[in-house]
Amino acid sequence: MAGQNPGTGGGALTFDVFGTVVDWRESIASEARAALGPRGFERDWHAFADRWRARYQPAIEKVRRGERPWVKLDDLHRENLFSA
């Protein structure tokens, strides 16, 4: 290995941070509680986050199968939020 430049190997270091570094469920539950609790909305906010997340795969699958046209992910999240 002496004399080799490790920067010329053409490799990549990748990792998934969603669910590891980003605690999506707790963030959604906490922010929903903080924003909506004072307005009189009492829910199981973790269950709410779970319901919202559970709607993602069925929604994106409709796009994949061509049952609906391509749509921005933010739009899918918004639609799913209103139905959660």
Protein backbone atom coordinates (compact mmCIF):
# COMPACT_ATOMS: atom_id res chain seq x y z
CA MET A 1 0.00 0.00 0.00
CA ALA A 2 3.00 2.30 0.38
CA GLY A 3 3.00 4.98 -2.27
CA GLN A 4 -0.68 4.54 -3.24
CA ASN A 5 -3.00 7.50 -3.19
CA PRO A 6 -6.24 6.38 -1.49
CA GLY A 7 -8.15 9.18 -3.24
CA THR A 8 -7.80 7.58 -6.68
CA GLY A 9 -9.64 4.32 -6.06
CA GLY A 10 -12.99 5.60 -7.32
CA GLY A 11 -14.94 4.30 -4.32
CA ALA A 12 -17.74 5.86 -2.34
CA LEU A 13 -18.74 5.83 1.28
CA THR A 14 -22.52 5.90 1.63
CA PHE A 15 -24.93 5.38 4.48
CA ASP A 16 -28.58 5.81 5.27
CA VAL A 17 -29.31 8.36 7.98
CA PHE A 18 -33.11 8.21 7.86
CA GLY A 19 -34.25 6.58 11.06
CA THR A 20 -30.74 6.52 12.45
CA VAL A 21 -29.74 10.16 12.64
CA VAL A 22 -33.20 11.53 11.90
CA ASP A 23 -35.85 10.52 14.44
CA TRP A 24 -38.75 11.33 12.14
CA ARG A 25 -41.46 9.77 14.30
CA GLU A 26 -40.50 11.60 17.50
CA SER A 27 -40.01 14.87 15.63
CA ILE A 28 -43.47 14.70 14.05
CA ALA A 29 -45.15 13.69 17.32
CA SER A 30 -43.38 16.41 19.29
CA GLU A 31 -44.05 19.19 16.78
CA ALA A 32 -47.69 18.18 16.27
CA ARG A 33 -48.22 18.14 20.04
CA ALA A 34 -46.58 21.56 20.43
CA ALA A 35 -48.51 23.14 17.55
CA LEU A 36 -51.91 21.52 17.96
CA GLY A 37 -52.14 20.64 21.65
CA PRO A 38 -52.58 24.27 22.75
CA ARG A 39 -55.37 24.58 20.18
CA GLY A 40 -57.34 21.82 21.87
CA PHE A 41 -56.32 18.86 19.72
CA GLU A 42 -55.57 15.87 21.91
CA ARG A 43 -54.28 12.82 20.08
CA ASP A 44 -51.84 9.98 20.41
CA TRP A 45 -49.28 11.92 18.38
CA HIS A 46 -46.98 8.92 17.89
CA ALA A 47 -49.91 6.96 16.42
CA PHE A 48 -50.66 9.97 14.22
CA ALA A 49 -47.06 9.96 12.94
CA ASP A 50 -47.28 6.22 12.31
CA ARG A 51 -50.52 6.59 10.33
CA TRP A 52 -49.01 9.37 8.25
CA ARG A 53 -45.88 7.33 7.53
CA ALA A 54 -47.93 4.22 6.69
CA ARG A 55 -49.64 6.10 3.86
CA TYR A 56 -46.36 6.73 2.01
CA GLN A 57 -45.80 3.34 0.34
CA PRO A 58 -49.37 2.94 -0.98
CA ALA A 59 -49.29 6.51 -2.31
CA ILE A 60 -45.94 6.16 -4.08
CA GLU A 61 -46.91 2.74 -5.42
CA LYS A 62 -49.80 4.34 -7.34
CA VAL A 63 -47.23 6.58 -9.04
CA ARG A 64 -44.91 3.64 -9.77
CA ARG A 65 -47.73 1.62 -11.36
CA GLY A 66 -48.88 4.58 -13.44
CA GLU A 67 -52.23 4.84 -11.67
CA ARG A 68 -51.53 8.51 -11.17
CA PRO A 69 -49.11 10.88 -12.85
CA TRP A 70 -45.75 11.79 -11.40
CA VAL A 71 -46.13 14.10 -8.43
CA LYS A 72 -43.67 15.85 -6.14
CA LEU A 73 -42.95 13.95 -2.94
CA ASP A 74 -43.93 17.01 -0.92
CA ASP A 75 -47.37 16.88 -2.54
CA LEU A 76 -47.77 13.20 -1.62
CA HIS A 77 -46.74 13.95 1.96
CA ARG A 78 -49.27 16.80 2.12
CA GLU A 79 -52.09 14.62 0.77
CA ASN A 80 -51.19 11.86 3.23
CA LEU A 81 -51.01 14.33 6.11
CA PHE A 82 -54.57 15.49 5.53
CA SER A 83 -55.84 11.91 5.53
CA ALA A 84 -53.86 10.87 8.63
